[in-house]
Structure formats: C-alpha cells, structure tokens
Amino acid sequence: MWHYVEAARPGDWLLVQNECNALPELLDGAHRHGLAIAFNPAPMTDRVLTLPLETCRLLFVNRGEAAWLTGLPESSDAQALLYGLHQRLPETATVLTLGHEGAWYQAGDERHFQPALPVEAIDTTGAGDTFIGYFLAALQEQRRIPECLMLAAHAAALGVQQPGAADSIPSRDEVERYLTGSQSA
C-alpha cells in the first residue's frame, strides 16, 4: 500500500473507505506525502471517530454517517448536519448525500445544493459509490462544484434505475447524454 502513496505526486487524490486496512497510518502517510485525501466512512463504525479526519480534504457522508460523526439525531435536517460537520471538521470540505432529498456540498461558508432527479429507483446498491466516483472525477477535471454535483447526481440517478452494484454504474457517455437530455427538457 505504501508504495502507491509514495508513487503518487503531492496534490494527487487518494480516495479511501472505512474498509481499508491500516487506515490511520494510511491517512497520516498520505497527508504527510501531500496527497489530497477524500474519505467515505462507509461502512460506518465507531473506529471512524478515532481516525485523523482533519487530514482529509474532502469527506463524503450520507445522513446516517453525518449524524454519527456529529452526535446529532439521524432525523436532523441537512442544515443542522452540515453545521455539525463544519464544527467538527472546519477545514474539511463535505459532500452530504441524502438520496431522494438531493446532495449538499460545503467548504467553509460555501454551500451548494443539488436536487435529486425524479427517477424510479430499482436498486440503490452502489449509488453512493457511483456518486462519489463521478463527483471526484469531475473535480479532478477542474469543474466547478455545481457541475460536479450535477454530473454525480445524474450518474447516480442512472445507476439506481438498474439492478446490481458494479453492473449498474453508467458509462461517462451515458451520463453525458442523460445530462444533455435533462437540461433540454
């Protein structure tokens, strides 16, 4: 694992989930090496509360994960969760995904909302991973945050209309066509 971190250039992105081994050491080592760390705490456990999350540049959480990290009830509204996340990790940008309620991005005082697309969900397995992958890809393409959110929401909306996890992830061409069609409707 360490040779991958050392092979990366400072400023490159590292995306990790809570399923990785040696996560505290990986986060610290990647941070020391100058990598931009994006972290998704799924599957959420108490162990996440002990991780050096301040080393992360970007945190992807759903409602339950945000509530767990902030100590707020899961029934809290998005604004309360975002405020709690900012209080806990003021230097870390956050993407809060809320399924059919849309998604929020916040970094400092900057906030952007992306409504969910009205689709008939067949299987939501992999929707979060699809959203994260497309968001991070768009971010690395230097797209503005609203564009990152829009691309990710369209990809996830396409994905939930198909059964399965990996098989439901749409190609970039499919997402671009869907995005173009949604904007012209």
Protein backbone atom coordinates (compact mmCIF):
# COMPACT_ATOMS: atom_id res chain seq x y z
CA MET A 1 0.00 0.00 0.00
CA TRP A 2 2.80 2.43 0.89
CA HIS A 3 4.48 2.17 -2.50
CA TYR A 4 1.26 3.52 -4.06
CA VAL A 5 1.30 6.52 -1.74
CA GLU A 6 4.97 7.13 -2.40
CA ALA A 7 4.46 6.78 -6.18
CA ALA A 8 1.78 9.48 -6.15
CA ARG A 9 2.69 13.11 -6.62
CA PRO A 10 1.83 15.72 -3.99
CA GLY A 11 -1.60 17.08 -4.86
CA ASP A 12 -2.84 13.78 -6.34
CA TRP A 13 -6.09 12.47 -4.90
CA LEU A 14 -6.43 9.40 -2.71
CA LEU A 15 -9.96 8.06 -2.21
CA VAL A 16 -10.41 5.68 0.72
CA GLN A 17 -13.27 3.99 2.55
CA ASN A 18 -13.52 2.63 6.07
CA GLU A 19 -12.88 -0.87 4.72
CA CYS A 20 -9.15 -0.23 4.20
CA ASN A 21 -6.56 -1.85 6.47
CA ALA A 22 -4.17 0.34 8.46
CA LEU A 23 -6.42 3.33 7.83
CA PRO A 24 -4.93 5.67 10.49
CA GLU A 25 -1.43 5.08 9.14
CA LEU A 26 -2.61 5.42 5.54
CA LEU A 27 -4.32 8.75 6.23
CA ASP A 28 -1.30 10.11 8.10
CA GLY A 29 1.19 8.87 5.48
CA ALA A 30 -0.85 10.19 2.56
CA HIS A 31 -1.24 13.54 4.30
CA ARG A 32 2.49 13.78 5.01
CA HIS A 33 3.16 12.94 1.35
CA GLY A 34 0.94 15.87 0.31
CA LEU A 35 -1.93 13.90 -1.17
CA ALA A 36 -5.45 15.29 -1.26
CA ILE A 37 -7.49 12.75 0.68
CA ALA A 38 -11.15 12.04 0.00
CA PHE A 39 -12.74 9.77 2.61
CA ASN A 40 -16.02 7.87 2.69
CA PRO A 41 -16.58 6.37 6.17
CA ALA A 42 -18.73 3.50 4.85
CA PRO A 43 -19.30 1.13 6.44
CA MET A 44 -19.60 3.46 9.42
CA THR A 45 -18.22 2.20 12.73
CA ASP A 46 -17.05 3.81 15.97
CA ARG A 47 -13.49 3.37 14.67
CA VAL A 48 -14.11 6.29 12.29
CA LEU A 49 -14.47 8.61 15.30
CA THR A 50 -10.83 7.92 16.20
CA LEU A 51 -9.37 8.50 12.72
CA PRO A 52 -7.40 11.66 11.87
CA LEU A 53 -10.25 13.04 9.73
CA GLU A 54 -8.69 16.50 9.79
CA THR A 55 -6.15 15.14 7.29
CA CYS A 56 -8.93 14.75 4.73
CA ARG A 57 -9.56 17.45 2.17
CA LEU A 58 -12.99 16.03 1.28
CA LEU A 59 -15.43 13.91 3.24
CA PHE A 60 -18.34 12.06 1.62
CA VAL A 61 -21.12 11.14 4.06
CA ASN A 62 -24.75 10.11 3.96
CA ARG A 63 -27.31 11.20 6.56
CA GLY A 64 -26.56 8.34 8.98
CA GLU A 65 -22.80 8.82 8.77
CA ALA A 66 -23.15 12.58 9.27
CA ALA A 67 -25.35 12.02 12.33
CA TRP A 68 -22.84 9.53 13.76
CA LEU A 69 -19.92 11.92 13.24
CA THR A 70 -21.74 14.91 14.74
CA GLY A 71 -23.66 13.17 17.52
CA LEU A 72 -26.89 14.61 16.15
CA PRO A 73 -30.08 12.59 15.65
CA GLU A 74 -30.36 10.98 12.22
CA SER A 75 -33.66 12.85 11.83
CA SER A 76 -31.77 16.18 11.86
CA ASP A 77 -32.23 18.35 8.79
CA ALA A 78 -29.44 18.85 6.30
CA GLN A 79 -28.55 22.31 7.59
CA ALA A 80 -28.03 21.04 11.15
CA LEU A 81 -25.89 18.15 9.90
CA LEU A 82 -23.80 20.46 7.71
CA TYR A 83 -23.31 22.86 10.62
CA GLY A 84 -22.29 20.00 12.90
CA LEU A 85 -19.82 18.66 10.34
CA HIS A 86 -18.32 22.12 9.88
CA GLN A 87 -17.95 22.50 13.65
CA ARG A 88 -16.20 19.12 13.90
CA LEU A 89 -14.00 19.49 10.78
CA PRO A 90 -13.83 23.19 9.84
CA GLU A 91 -11.04 22.73 7.27
CA THR A 92 -12.58 19.71 5.53
CA ALA A 93 -14.99 20.09 2.60
CA THR A 94 -18.03 17.85 2.85
CA VAL A 95 -20.46 16.27 0.43
CA LEU A 96 -23.63 15.19 2.22
CA THR A 97 -25.70 12.77 0.15
CA LEU A 98 -29.38 12.43 1.05
CA GLY A 99 -30.73 10.04 -1.59
CA HIS A 100 -34.06 11.29 -2.92
CA GLU A 101 -33.56 14.55 -0.97
CA GLY A 102 -30.51 15.53 -3.05
CA ALA A 103 -26.97 16.36 -2.01
CA TRP A 104 -25.09 19.24 -0.43
CA TYR A 105 -21.51 20.42 -0.74
CA GLN A 106 -19.92 22.68 1.84
CA ALA A 107 -16.48 24.14 2.31
CA GLY A 108 -16.21 26.92 4.87
CA ASP A 109 -19.05 29.34 4.13
CA GLU A 110 -19.59 27.98 0.61
CA ARG A 111 -22.63 25.73 0.14
CA HIS A 112 -24.20 24.22 -2.97
CA PHE A 113 -27.31 22.09 -3.26
CA GLN A 114 -28.10 19.55 -5.96
CA PRO A 115 -31.69 18.28 -6.07
CA ALA A 116 -32.20 14.60 -6.68
CA LEU A 117 -33.50 13.66 -10.09
CA PRO A 118 -37.02 12.23 -10.24
CA VAL A 119 -36.39 8.61 -11.23
CA GLU A 120 -37.89 5.25 -10.34
CA ALA A 121 -35.23 3.56 -8.21
CA ILE A 122 -34.96 -0.18 -8.83
CA ASP A 123 -31.80 -0.86 -6.80
CA THR A 124 -29.82 1.72 -4.83
CA THR A 125 -26.83 -0.60 -4.30
CA GLY A 126 -23.75 1.26 -5.47
CA ALA A 127 -25.48 4.63 -5.81
CA GLY A 128 -23.20 6.28 -3.27
CA ASP A 129 -20.06 4.86 -4.86
CA THR A 130 -21.24 5.99 -8.30
CA PHE A 131 -21.97 9.49 -6.97
CA ILE A 132 -18.57 9.72 -5.28
CA GLY A 133 -16.67 8.45 -8.32
CA TYR A 134 -18.32 10.86 -10.72
CA PHE A 135 -18.02 13.80 -8.32
CA LEU A 136 -14.33 13.20 -7.75
CA ALA A 137 -13.66 12.66 -11.46
CA ALA A 138 -15.35 15.97 -12.30
CA LEU A 139 -13.43 17.72 -9.51
CA GLN A 140 -10.15 16.45 -10.95
CA GLU A 141 -11.24 17.80 -14.34
CA GLN A 142 -11.32 21.24 -12.67
CA ARG A 143 -15.10 21.55 -12.98
CA ARG A 144 -16.96 23.92 -10.70
CA ILE A 145 -18.62 22.35 -7.66
CA PRO A 146 -22.20 22.73 -9.01
CA GLU A 147 -21.12 20.88 -12.15
CA CYS A 148 -19.50 18.14 -10.06
CA LEU A 149 -22.72 17.72 -8.10
CA MET A 150 -24.85 17.70 -11.24
CA LEU A 151 -22.72 15.10 -13.01
CA ALA A 152 -22.63 12.89 -9.92
CA ALA A 153 -26.40 13.17 -9.39
CA HIS A 154 -27.11 12.22 -12.99
CA ALA A 155 -24.75 9.24 -12.79
CA ALA A 156 -26.34 8.01 -9.55
CA ALA A 157 -29.85 8.54 -10.97
CA LEU A 158 -28.98 6.40 -13.97
CA GLY A 159 -27.41 3.78 -11.75
CA VAL A 160 -30.38 3.30 -9.43
CA GLN A 161 -32.58 2.51 -12.43
CA GLN A 162 -30.58 -0.71 -12.99
CA PRO A 163 -30.19 -3.76 -10.75
CA GLY A 164 -26.82 -4.60 -9.23
CA ALA A 165 -23.82 -2.68 -7.99
CA ALA A 166 -20.91 -2.57 -10.45
CA ASP A 167 -23.15 -3.50 -13.38
CA SER A 168 -25.38 -0.50 -12.71
CA ILE A 169 -22.61 2.12 -12.95
CA PRO A 170 -23.24 4.04 -16.16
CA SER A 171 -20.53 4.94 -18.65
CA ARG A 172 -19.46 8.56 -18.97
CA ASP A 173 -21.10 8.73 -22.41
CA GLU A 174 -24.42 7.54 -20.96
CA VAL A 175 -24.22 10.16 -18.20
CA GLU A 176 -23.34 12.95 -20.64
CA ARG A 177 -26.30 12.02 -22.88
CA TYR A 178 -28.64 11.87 -19.87
CA LEU A 179 -27.33 15.19 -18.61
CA THR A 180 -27.82 16.83 -22.00
CA GLY A 181 -31.35 15.41 -22.27
CA SER A 182 -32.27 16.53 -18.73
CA GLN A 183 -31.08 20.07 -19.33
CA SER A 184 -33.02 20.42 -22.57
CA ALA A 185 -36.25 19.05 -21.08
